[in-house]
Amino acid sequence: MRWIAVDWGTSNLRAWVMQGDAVQAALSSADGMGTLARDGFEPALLRLVGDHLQDGSVTPVICCGMVGARQGWIEAAYQTVPSSPPQAAQSVSPVCDDPRLSVSILPGMSQASPADVMRGEETQIAGFLAAFPDFDGVLCLPGTHSKWAHISAGEVVSFRTFMTGELYALLSRQSVLKHSIPDDGWDDAAFTDAVGDAMSRPERVVADLFSLRAQGLVSTLDPAVARARLSGMLVGMELAAARPYWLGQNVALVGNGTLSQRYSEALAAQGVTAQTTDAEEMTLRGLRAAFHSLSEGA
């Protein structure tokens, strides 16, 4: 059966045209949730996938991500933890003007104390559990807002969000450090050392951050070293705060290649060997699982 899997974030819209479990086409656009009014979601989806719809038939579309936020196409209320990741039975369906579309939007997950939410990552978690159903431990999902989720018996027991990626972007592009942090270049040793320093002396990070600028002025600090140290300081603070999640636990990473590698290196320096998986693959697995649950419930 033909259907469409959609990951709709704040900045981007990604879709996969599916025939059963097989990907027929991968599509993307810049029509993220943040750029659209409520009446703009269906037209944005049609611009991307319209050529893959067939007249006279209805194509199921399974969506995850910010499309279900309060500012999205239609709000998909959060599912509270502890709980298994949401499936099609918990989805909501907006009214579509185009009769060829049948859209289901998966909800995110929320936590009352400490207050936290996720949208999109829960589908990656569902995909990971579809691939590794016996996993018991902690998932780390690095990104703009990194997530650490405790998984047991197929459920998300608890989770925490860290604004590490957003802090890096703000500091490197909008603070005084923008004059010292390049867009590329890297130094592995500088990153690892900065992670360790931040974990052991987090109270010094605010001063150490300005030192990146000062060293660039007075001792010509290598920009690649500065970039790696900034990242290491922020990841180190995250690991220090997330220690109750990863210490003594089975840990797996769900992320893109480069970012997962950085987190894997940082954890390895703490004696933790983390399993690594690809975020896009887990997203698609999660959307497949939701589609199968929709088909089984039909």
C-alpha atoms as a PDB file:
ATOM      1  CA  MET A   1       0.000   0.000   0.000  1.00  0.00           C
ATOM      2  CA  ARG A   2       1.291   3.478  -0.854  1.00  0.00           C
ATOM      3  CA  TRP A   3       1.572   5.926   2.024  1.00  0.00           C
ATOM      4  CA  ILE A   4       3.692   8.932   3.003  1.00  0.00           C
ATOM      5  CA  ALA A   5       5.877   9.341   6.094  1.00  0.00           C
ATOM      6  CA  VAL A   6       6.457  12.937   7.231  1.00  0.00           C
ATOM      7  CA  ASP A   7       8.834  14.502   9.744  1.00  0.00           C
ATOM      8  CA  TRP A   8       7.681  18.121  10.073  1.00  0.00           C
ATOM      9  CA  GLY A   9       9.996  20.277  12.149  1.00  0.00           C
ATOM     10  CA  THR A  10      10.175  23.970  12.934  1.00  0.00           C
ATOM     11  CA  SER A  11      12.538  24.773  10.048  1.00  0.00           C
ATOM     12  CA  ASN A  12      12.113  21.940   7.559  1.00  0.00           C
ATOM     13  CA  LEU A  13       9.593  19.502   6.114  1.00  0.00           C
ATOM     14  CA  ARG A  14      10.807  16.029   5.156  1.00  0.00           C
ATOM     15  CA  ALA A  15       8.729  13.303   3.518  1.00  0.00           C
ATOM     16  CA  TRP A  16       9.268   9.769   2.293  1.00  0.00           C
ATOM     17  CA  VAL A  17       6.957   8.247  -0.287  1.00  0.00           C
ATOM     18  CA  MET A  18       6.508   4.643   0.799  1.00  0.00           C
ATOM     19  CA  GLN A  19       5.329   1.445  -0.847  1.00  0.00           C
ATOM     20  CA  GLY A  20       4.791  -0.792   2.137  1.00  0.00           C
ATOM     21  CA  ASP A  21       8.105  -0.606   4.007  1.00  0.00           C
ATOM     22  CA  ALA A  22      10.140   0.438   0.960  1.00  0.00           C
ATOM     23  CA  VAL A  23      11.116   4.065   0.304  1.00  0.00           C
ATOM     24  CA  GLN A  24      10.155   5.137  -3.211  1.00  0.00           C
ATOM     25  CA  ALA A  25      11.227   8.792  -2.918  1.00  0.00           C
ATOM     26  CA  ALA A  26      12.756  11.100  -0.295  1.00  0.00           C
ATOM     27  CA  LEU A  27      11.638  14.737  -0.439  1.00  0.00           C
ATOM     28  CA  SER A  28      12.282  17.893   1.584  1.00  0.00           C
ATOM     29  CA  SER A  29      11.474  21.591   1.649  1.00  0.00           C
ATOM     30  CA  ALA A  30      12.033  24.648   3.842  1.00  0.00           C
ATOM     31  CA  ASP A  31       8.307  24.804   4.721  1.00  0.00           C
ATOM     32  CA  GLY A  32       8.822  24.193   8.415  1.00  0.00           C
ATOM     33  CA  MET A  33       6.149  24.808  11.021  1.00  0.00           C
ATOM     34  CA  GLY A  34       7.740  28.112  11.970  1.00  0.00           C
ATOM     35  CA  THR A  35       7.139  29.589   8.510  1.00  0.00           C
ATOM     36  CA  LEU A  36       3.462  28.626   8.131  1.00  0.00           C
ATOM     37  CA  ALA A  37       0.087  29.942   9.217  1.00  0.00           C
ATOM     38  CA  ARG A  38      -2.476  27.292  10.131  1.00  0.00           C
ATOM     39  CA  ASP A  39      -4.063  27.392   6.669  1.00  0.00           C
ATOM     40  CA  GLY A  40      -0.653  26.947   5.028  1.00  0.00           C
ATOM     41  CA  PHE A  41       0.099  23.382   6.106  1.00  0.00           C
ATOM     42  CA  GLU A  42      -1.980  21.492   3.575  1.00  0.00           C
ATOM     43  CA  PRO A  43      -0.712  23.623   0.640  1.00  0.00           C
ATOM     44  CA  ALA A  44       2.892  23.124   1.839  1.00  0.00           C
ATOM     45  CA  LEU A  45       2.383  19.362   2.014  1.00  0.00           C
ATOM     46  CA  LEU A  46       0.815  19.300  -1.452  1.00  0.00           C
ATOM     47  CA  ARG A  47       3.689  21.314  -2.933  1.00  0.00           C
ATOM     48  CA  LEU A  48       6.058  18.643  -1.705  1.00  0.00           C
ATOM     49  CA  VAL A  49       4.149  15.387  -2.309  1.00  0.00           C
ATOM     50  CA  GLY A  50       1.338  16.338  -4.697  1.00  0.00           C
ATOM     51  CA  ASP A  51       3.006  14.683  -7.679  1.00  0.00           C
ATOM     52  CA  HIS A  52       2.950  11.381  -5.775  1.00  0.00           C
ATOM     53  CA  LEU A  53      -0.788  11.404  -5.046  1.00  0.00           C
ATOM     54  CA  GLN A  54      -3.214   9.543  -7.307  1.00  0.00           C
ATOM     55  CA  ASP A  55      -6.607  10.848  -8.356  1.00  0.00           C
ATOM     56  CA  GLY A  56      -9.469   8.692  -7.173  1.00  0.00           C
ATOM     57  CA  SER A  57      -7.553   7.166  -4.244  1.00  0.00           C
ATOM     58  CA  VAL A  58      -6.749   8.235  -0.691  1.00  0.00           C
ATOM     59  CA  THR A  59      -3.128   8.198   0.477  1.00  0.00           C
ATOM     60  CA  PRO A  60      -2.445   7.871   4.222  1.00  0.00           C
ATOM     61  CA  VAL A  61       0.060  10.417   5.545  1.00  0.00           C
ATOM     62  CA  ILE A  62       1.663   9.787   8.966  1.00  0.00           C
ATOM     63  CA  CYS A  63       3.292  12.883  10.493  1.00  0.00           C
ATOM     64  CA  CYS A  64       5.469  13.514  13.516  1.00  0.00           C
ATOM     65  CA  GLY A  65       7.140  16.610  14.879  1.00  0.00           C
ATOM     66  CA  MET A  66       6.164  20.244  15.379  1.00  0.00           C
ATOM     67  CA  VAL A  67       3.254  19.967  12.935  1.00  0.00           C
ATOM     68  CA  GLY A  68       1.284  18.771  15.974  1.00  0.00           C
ATOM     69  CA  ALA A  69       2.277  21.700  18.201  1.00  0.00           C
ATOM     70  CA  ARG A  70      -0.199  24.302  19.421  1.00  0.00           C
ATOM     71  CA  GLN A  71       1.068  26.586  16.632  1.00  0.00           C
ATOM     72  CA  GLY A  72       0.984  23.771  14.060  1.00  0.00           C
ATOM     73  CA  TRP A  73      -1.613  22.363  11.689  1.00  0.00           C
ATOM     74  CA  ILE A  74      -3.693  20.916  14.515  1.00  0.00           C
ATOM     75  CA  GLU A  75      -2.670  20.342  18.107  1.00  0.00           C
ATOM     76  CA  ALA A  76      -1.894  16.755  19.055  1.00  0.00           C
ATOM     77  CA  ALA A  77      -1.996  16.816  22.857  1.00  0.00           C
ATOM     78  CA  TYR A  78       1.046  15.448  24.652  1.00  0.00           C
ATOM     79  CA  GLN A  79       1.053  11.908  25.973  1.00  0.00           C
ATOM     80  CA  THR A  80       2.393  11.832  29.524  1.00  0.00           C
ATOM     81  CA  VAL A  81       5.213   9.594  30.731  1.00  0.00           C
ATOM     82  CA  PRO A  82       5.675   6.899  31.841  1.00  0.00           C
ATOM     83  CA  SER A  83       4.263   5.517  28.615  1.00  0.00           C
ATOM     84  CA  SER A  84       5.224   3.706  25.453  1.00  0.00           C
ATOM     85  CA  PRO A  85       5.844   6.080  22.517  1.00  0.00           C
ATOM     86  CA  PRO A  86       2.604   7.256  20.837  1.00  0.00           C
ATOM     87  CA  GLN A  87       1.168   5.242  17.974  1.00  0.00           C
ATOM     88  CA  ALA A  88      -1.605   5.842  15.442  1.00  0.00           C
ATOM     89  CA  ALA A  89      -4.373   5.277  18.010  1.00  0.00           C
ATOM     90  CA  GLN A  90      -3.268   8.486  19.768  1.00  0.00           C
ATOM     91  CA  SER A  91      -2.963  10.549  16.565  1.00  0.00           C
ATOM     92  CA  VAL A  92      -5.216  13.421  15.481  1.00  0.00           C
ATOM     93  CA  SER A  93      -6.407  14.125  11.938  1.00  0.00           C
ATOM     94  CA  PRO A  94      -6.891  17.587  10.446  1.00  0.00           C
ATOM     95  CA  VAL A  95      -9.655  18.152   7.922  1.00  0.00           C
ATOM     96  CA  CYS A  96      -8.096  18.206   4.437  1.00  0.00           C
ATOM     97  CA  ASP A  97      -9.568  19.981   1.429  1.00  0.00           C
ATOM     98  CA  ASP A  98      -7.832  17.607  -0.976  1.00  0.00           C
ATOM     99  CA  PRO A  99      -9.737  14.285  -0.985  1.00  0.00           C
ATOM    100  CA  ARG A 100      -6.554  12.388  -1.856  1.00  0.00           C
ATOM    101  CA  LEU A 101      -5.110  13.050   1.623  1.00  0.00           C
ATOM    102  CA  SER A 102      -5.781  11.286   4.916  1.00  0.00           C
ATOM    103  CA  VAL A 103      -3.416  12.835   7.451  1.00  0.00           C
ATOM    104  CA  SER A 104      -2.631  11.483  10.938  1.00  0.00           C
ATOM    105  CA  ILE A 105      -0.440  13.538  13.274  1.00  0.00           C
ATOM    106  CA  LEU A 106       1.318  11.779  16.145  1.00  0.00           C
ATOM    107  CA  PRO A 107       1.455  13.507  19.542  1.00  0.00           C
ATOM    108  CA  GLY A 108       4.595  14.328  21.464  1.00  0.00           C
ATOM    109  CA  MET A 109       5.319  13.339  25.056  1.00  0.00           C
ATOM    110  CA  SER A 110       5.337  15.365  28.263  1.00  0.00           C
ATOM    111  CA  GLN A 111       6.589  15.069  31.812  1.00  0.00           C
ATOM    112  CA  ALA A 112       5.050  16.837  34.792  1.00  0.00           C
ATOM    113  CA  SER A 113       8.047  17.011  37.140  1.00  0.00           C
ATOM    114  CA  PRO A 114      10.509  18.260  36.224  1.00  0.00           C
ATOM    115  CA  ALA A 115       8.427  19.838  33.476  1.00  0.00           C
ATOM    116  CA  ASP A 116       9.561  18.753  30.030  1.00  0.00           C
ATOM    117  CA  VAL A 117       8.211  18.045  26.537  1.00  0.00           C
ATOM    118  CA  MET A 118       9.309  16.479  23.270  1.00  0.00           C
ATOM    119  CA  ARG A 119       7.915  16.432  19.740  1.00  0.00           C
ATOM    120  CA  GLY A 120       9.548  14.267  17.099  1.00  0.00           C
ATOM    121  CA  GLU A 121      12.059  12.547  19.361  1.00  0.00           C
ATOM    122  CA  GLU A 122       9.349  10.185  20.635  1.00  0.00           C
ATOM    123  CA  THR A 123       9.037   8.830  17.086  1.00  0.00           C
ATOM    124  CA  GLN A 124      12.792   8.243  16.968  1.00  0.00           C
ATOM    125  CA  ILE A 125      12.453   6.393  20.273  1.00  0.00           C
ATOM    126  CA  ALA A 126       9.616   4.314  18.804  1.00  0.00           C
ATOM    127  CA  GLY A 127      11.839   3.495  15.848  1.00  0.00           C
ATOM    128  CA  PHE A 128      14.723   2.512  18.114  1.00  0.00           C
ATOM    129  CA  LEU A 129      12.449   0.229  20.136  1.00  0.00           C
ATOM    130  CA  ALA A 130      11.110  -1.313  16.924  1.00  0.00           C
ATOM    131  CA  ALA A 131      14.710  -2.179  16.021  1.00  0.00           C
ATOM    132  CA  PHE A 132      15.806  -3.140  19.563  1.00  0.00           C
ATOM    133  CA  PRO A 133      12.660  -4.234  21.443  1.00  0.00           C
ATOM    134  CA  ASP A 134      14.580  -5.643  24.417  1.00  0.00           C
ATOM    135  CA  PHE A 135      16.572  -2.482  25.096  1.00  0.00           C
ATOM    136  CA  ASP A 136      16.601  -1.351  28.707  1.00  0.00           C
ATOM    137  CA  GLY A 137      18.672   1.689  29.580  1.00  0.00           C
ATOM    138  CA  VAL A 138      19.072   5.285  28.421  1.00  0.00           C
ATOM    139  CA  LEU A 139      18.749   6.877  25.010  1.00  0.00           C
ATOM    140  CA  CYS A 140      20.605  10.096  24.238  1.00  0.00           C
ATOM    141  CA  LEU A 141      19.251  12.073  21.288  1.00  0.00           C
ATOM    142  CA  PRO A 142      21.771  14.863  20.559  1.00  0.00           C
ATOM    143  CA  GLY A 143      20.526  17.931  18.721  1.00  0.00           C
ATOM    144  CA  THR A 144      19.547  21.549  19.124  1.00  0.00           C
ATOM    145  CA  HIS A 145      17.691  20.433  22.244  1.00  0.00           C
ATOM    146  CA  SER A 146      19.328  17.183  23.337  1.00  0.00           C
ATOM    147  CA  LYS A 147      17.144  14.595  25.059  1.00  0.00           C
ATOM    148  CA  TRP A 148      18.095  11.935  27.587  1.00  0.00           C
ATOM    149  CA  ALA A 149      15.346   9.327  28.017  1.00  0.00           C
ATOM    150  CA  HIS A 150      15.189   6.445  30.480  1.00  0.00           C
ATOM    151  CA  ILE A 151      13.689   3.411  28.722  1.00  0.00           C
ATOM    152  CA  SER A 152      12.362   0.339  30.530  1.00  0.00           C
ATOM    153  CA  ALA A 153       9.978  -2.420  29.407  1.00  0.00           C
ATOM    154  CA  GLY A 154       9.279  -0.559  26.145  1.00  0.00           C
ATOM    155  CA  GLU A 155       8.251   2.648  27.908  1.00  0.00           C
ATOM    156  CA  VAL A 156       9.710   6.117  28.294  1.00  0.00           C
ATOM    157  CA  VAL A 157       9.984   6.312  32.082  1.00  0.00           C
ATOM    158  CA  SER A 158      11.404   9.844  32.293  1.00  0.00           C
ATOM    159  CA  PHE A 159      13.421  12.301  30.198  1.00  0.00           C
ATOM    160  CA  ARG A 160      15.299  15.582  30.359  1.00  0.00           C
ATOM    161  CA  THR A 161      16.047  18.207  27.706  1.00  0.00           C
ATOM    162  CA  PHE A 162      19.305  20.166  27.426  1.00  0.00           C
ATOM    163  CA  MET A 163      19.585  23.287  25.242  1.00  0.00           C
ATOM    164  CA  THR A 164      23.202  22.492  24.364  1.00  0.00           C
ATOM    165  CA  GLY A 165      22.912  22.886  20.588  1.00  0.00           C
ATOM    166  CA  GLU A 166      20.949  26.119  20.845  1.00  0.00           C
ATOM    167  CA  LEU A 167      23.433  27.554  23.345  1.00  0.00           C
ATOM    168  CA  TYR A 168      26.284  26.704  20.971  1.00  0.00           C
ATOM    169  CA  ALA A 169      24.500  28.470  18.110  1.00  0.00           C
ATOM    170  CA  LEU A 170      23.754  31.564  20.193  1.00  0.00           C
ATOM    171  CA  LEU A 171      27.261  31.848  21.614  1.00  0.00           C
ATOM    172  CA  SER A 172      29.059  31.186  18.342  1.00  0.00           C
ATOM    173  CA  ARG A 173      26.873  33.445  16.196  1.00  0.00           C
ATOM    174  CA  GLN A 174      25.409  36.172  18.413  1.00  0.00           C
ATOM    175  CA  SER A 175      27.783  36.681  21.359  1.00  0.00           C
ATOM    176  CA  VAL A 176      31.231  38.254  21.513  1.00  0.00           C
ATOM    177  CA  LEU A 177      32.577  34.771  20.723  1.00  0.00           C
ATOM    178  CA  LYS A 178      31.313  35.082  17.142  1.00  0.00           C
ATOM    179  CA  HIS A 179      34.634  36.779  16.332  1.00  0.00           C
ATOM    180  CA  SER A 180      36.566  33.719  17.534  1.00  0.00           C
ATOM    181  CA  ILE A 181      34.473  30.700  16.493  1.00  0.00           C
ATOM    182  CA  PRO A 182      34.711  29.610  12.828  1.00  0.00           C
ATOM    183  CA  ASP A 183      32.115  27.577  10.936  1.00  0.00           C
ATOM    184  CA  ASP A 184      34.497  24.677  10.403  1.00  0.00           C
ATOM    185  CA  GLY A 185      37.715  23.184  11.717  1.00  0.00           C
ATOM    186  CA  TRP A 186      38.101  20.853  14.690  1.00  0.00           C
ATOM    187  CA  ASP A 187      40.567  19.586  17.272  1.00  0.00           C
ATOM    188  CA  ASP A 188      39.710  16.274  18.963  1.00  0.00           C
ATOM    189  CA  ALA A 189      42.076  16.736  21.897  1.00  0.00           C
ATOM    190  CA  ALA A 190      40.749  20.238  22.640  1.00  0.00           C
ATOM    191  CA  PHE A 191      37.176  18.934  22.631  1.00  0.00           C
ATOM    192  CA  THR A 192      37.923  16.025  24.979  1.00  0.00           C
ATOM    193  CA  ASP A 193      39.917  18.215  27.374  1.00  0.00           C
ATOM    194  CA  ALA A 194      37.146  20.825  27.478  1.00  0.00           C
ATOM    195  CA  VAL A 195      34.522  18.150  28.221  1.00  0.00           C
ATOM    196  CA  GLY A 196      36.585  16.913  31.161  1.00  0.00           C
ATOM    197  CA  ASP A 197      37.259  20.419  32.486  1.00  0.00           C
ATOM    198  CA  ALA A 198      33.587  21.398  32.321  1.00  0.00           C
ATOM    199  CA  MET A 199      32.497  18.198  34.058  1.00  0.00           C
ATOM    200  CA  SER A 200      35.008  18.588  36.882  1.00  0.00           C
ATOM    201  CA  ARG A 201      34.703  22.385  37.310  1.00  0.00           C
ATOM    202  CA  PRO A 202      31.343  23.523  35.878  1.00  0.00           C
ATOM    203  CA  GLU A 203      31.424  26.679  38.010  1.00  0.00           C
ATOM    204  CA  ARG A 204      34.341  27.963  35.879  1.00  0.00           C
ATOM    205  CA  VAL A 205      32.703  27.533  32.485  1.00  0.00           C
ATOM    206  CA  VAL A 206      31.281  31.062  32.296  1.00  0.00           C
ATOM    207  CA  ALA A 207      34.776  32.506  32.768  1.00  0.00           C
ATOM    208  CA  ASP A 208      36.374  29.900  30.506  1.00  0.00           C
ATOM    209  CA  LEU A 209      33.991  30.884  27.729  1.00  0.00           C
ATOM    210  CA  PHE A 210      35.290  34.446  27.680  1.00  0.00           C
ATOM    211  CA  SER A 211      38.842  33.104  27.716  1.00  0.00           C
ATOM    212  CA  LEU A 212      38.192  31.766  24.222  1.00  0.00           C
ATOM    213  CA  ARG A 213      37.824  35.350  23.028  1.00  0.00           C
ATOM    214  CA  ALA A 214      40.672  36.671  25.145  1.00  0.00           C
ATOM    215  CA  GLN A 215      43.117  33.973  24.018  1.00  0.00           C
ATOM    216  CA  GLY A 216      42.263  34.749  20.420  1.00  0.00           C
ATOM    217  CA  LEU A 217      43.336  38.349  21.038  1.00  0.00           C
ATOM    218  CA  VAL A 218      46.430  37.911  23.169  1.00  0.00           C
ATOM    219  CA  SER A 219      47.844  34.546  22.105  1.00  0.00           C
ATOM    220  CA  THR A 220      46.340  33.843  18.662  1.00  0.00           C
ATOM    221  CA  LEU A 221      44.336  30.804  19.735  1.00  0.00           C
ATOM    222  CA  ASP A 222      43.782  28.471  16.767  1.00  0.00           C
ATOM    223  CA  PRO A 223      40.143  29.015  15.658  1.00  0.00           C
ATOM    224  CA  ALA A 224      39.668  25.259  15.212  1.00  0.00           C
ATOM    225  CA  VAL A 225      40.741  24.732  18.821  1.00  0.00           C
ATOM    226  CA  ALA A 226      38.374  27.481  19.980  1.00  0.00           C
ATOM    227  CA  ARG A 227      35.463  25.856  18.136  1.00  0.00           C
ATOM    228  CA  ALA A 228      36.166  22.444  19.620  1.00  0.00           C
ATOM    229  CA  ARG A 229      36.623  23.856  23.121  1.00  0.00           C
ATOM    230  CA  LEU A 230      33.338  25.757  23.006  1.00  0.00           C
ATOM    231  CA  SER A 231      31.524  22.592  21.996  1.00  0.00           C
ATOM    232  CA  GLY A 232      33.370  20.581  24.631  1.00  0.00           C
ATOM    233  CA  MET A 233      32.491  22.999  27.428  1.00  0.00           C
ATOM    234  CA  LEU A 234      28.776  22.848  26.613  1.00  0.00           C
ATOM    235  CA  VAL A 235      28.676  19.078  26.097  1.00  0.00           C
ATOM    236  CA  GLY A 236      30.633  18.654  29.329  1.00  0.00           C
ATOM    237  CA  MET A 237      28.056  20.672  31.278  1.00  0.00           C
ATOM    238  CA  GLU A 238      25.310  18.553  29.713  1.00  0.00           C
ATOM    239  CA  LEU A 239      27.022  15.297  30.663  1.00  0.00           C
ATOM    240  CA  ALA A 240      27.580  16.551  34.199  1.00  0.00           C
ATOM    241  CA  ALA A 241      23.894  17.396  34.584  1.00  0.00           C
ATOM    242  CA  ALA A 242      22.784  14.158  32.888  1.00  0.00           C
ATOM    243  CA  ARG A 243      25.070  11.951  35.006  1.00  0.00           C
ATOM    244  CA  PRO A 244      22.120  10.329  36.845  1.00  0.00           C
ATOM    245  CA  TYR A 245      20.897   9.103  33.448  1.00  0.00           C
ATOM    246  CA  TRP A 246      24.073   7.612  31.988  1.00  0.00           C
ATOM    247  CA  LEU A 247      26.117   6.566  35.019  1.00  0.00           C
ATOM    248  CA  GLY A 248      26.092   2.772  35.246  1.00  0.00           C
ATOM    249  CA  GLN A 249      23.482   2.477  32.489  1.00  0.00           C
ATOM    250  CA  ASN A 250      23.256   0.860  29.085  1.00  0.00           C
ATOM    251  CA  VAL A 251      23.465   3.896  26.767  1.00  0.00           C
ATOM    252  CA  ALA A 252      22.528   4.289  23.097  1.00  0.00           C
ATOM    253  CA  LEU A 253      22.809   7.363  20.884  1.00  0.00           C
ATOM    254  CA  VAL A 254      20.252   8.367  18.258  1.00  0.00           C
ATOM    255  CA  GLY A 255      21.640  11.161  16.101  1.00  0.00           C
ATOM    256  CA  ASN A 256      23.503  12.183  12.973  1.00  0.00           C
ATOM    257  CA  GLY A 257      26.996  10.904  12.277  1.00  0.00           C
ATOM    258  CA  THR A 258      29.165  13.847  13.337  1.00  0.00           C
ATOM    259  CA  LEU A 259      27.178  14.895  16.392  1.00  0.00           C
ATOM    260  CA  SER A 260      26.773  11.323  17.619  1.00  0.00           C
ATOM    261  CA  GLN A 261      30.516  10.836  17.209  1.00  0.00           C
ATOM    262  CA  ARG A 262      31.208  13.836  19.463  1.00  0.00           C
ATOM    263  CA  TYR A 263      28.882  12.533  22.168  1.00  0.00           C
ATOM    264  CA  SER A 264      30.299   9.047  21.804  1.00  0.00           C
ATOM    265  CA  GLU A 265      33.825  10.410  22.299  1.00  0.00           C
ATOM    266  CA  ALA A 266      32.740  12.454  25.320  1.00  0.00           C
ATOM    267  CA  LEU A 267      31.032   9.444  26.922  1.00  0.00           C
ATOM    268  CA  ALA A 268      33.964   7.166  26.129  1.00  0.00           C
ATOM    269  CA  ALA A 269      36.228   9.519  28.079  1.00  0.00           C
ATOM    270  CA  GLN A 270      33.927   8.811  31.054  1.00  0.00           C
ATOM    271  CA  GLY A 271      34.204   5.065  30.561  1.00  0.00           C
ATOM    272  CA  VAL A 272      30.839   4.675  28.790  1.00  0.00           C
ATOM    273  CA  THR A 273      30.669   2.793  25.485  1.00  0.00           C
ATOM    274  CA  ALA A 274      27.491   3.909  23.724  1.00  0.00           C
ATOM    275  CA  GLN A 275      25.680   2.105  20.927  1.00  0.00           C
ATOM    276  CA  THR A 276      25.109   4.480  17.986  1.00  0.00           C
ATOM    277  CA  THR A 277      22.172   4.624  15.587  1.00  0.00           C
ATOM    278  CA  ASP A 278      21.119   7.038  12.842  1.00  0.00           C
ATOM    279  CA  ALA A 279      18.388   9.566  13.679  1.00  0.00           C
ATOM    280  CA  GLU A 280      16.797   9.599  10.224  1.00  0.00           C
ATOM    281  CA  GLU A 281      16.654   5.814  10.097  1.00  0.00           C
ATOM    282  CA  MET A 282      15.031   5.692  13.554  1.00  0.00           C
ATOM    283  CA  THR A 283      12.520   8.400  12.584  1.00  0.00           C
ATOM    284  CA  LEU A 284      11.486   6.407   9.537  1.00  0.00           C
ATOM    285  CA  ARG A 285      11.279   3.192  11.568  1.00  0.00           C
ATOM    286  CA  GLY A 286       9.045   4.974  14.063  1.00  0.00           C
ATOM    287  CA  LEU A 287       6.754   6.287  11.334  1.00  0.00           C
ATOM    288  CA  ARG A 288       6.620   2.784   9.822  1.00  0.00           C
ATOM    289  CA  ALA A 289       5.589   1.385  13.202  1.00  0.00           C
ATOM    290  CA  ALA A 290       2.818   3.998  13.446  1.00  0.00           C
ATOM    291  CA  PHE A 291       1.615   3.176   9.922  1.00  0.00           C
ATOM    292  CA  HIS A 292       1.470  -0.534  10.728  1.00  0.00           C
ATOM    293  CA  SER A 293      -0.511   0.173  13.888  1.00  0.00           C
ATOM    294  CA  LEU A 294      -2.881   2.335  11.818  1.00  0.00           C
ATOM    295  CA  SER A 295      -3.324  -0.466   9.278  1.00  0.00           C
ATOM    296  CA  GLU A 296      -3.904  -3.058  12.016  1.00  0.00           C
ATOM    297  CA  GLY A 297      -6.523  -0.834  13.644  1.00  0.00           C
ATOM    298  CA  ALA A 298      -8.395  -0.211  10.385  1.00  0.00           C
END
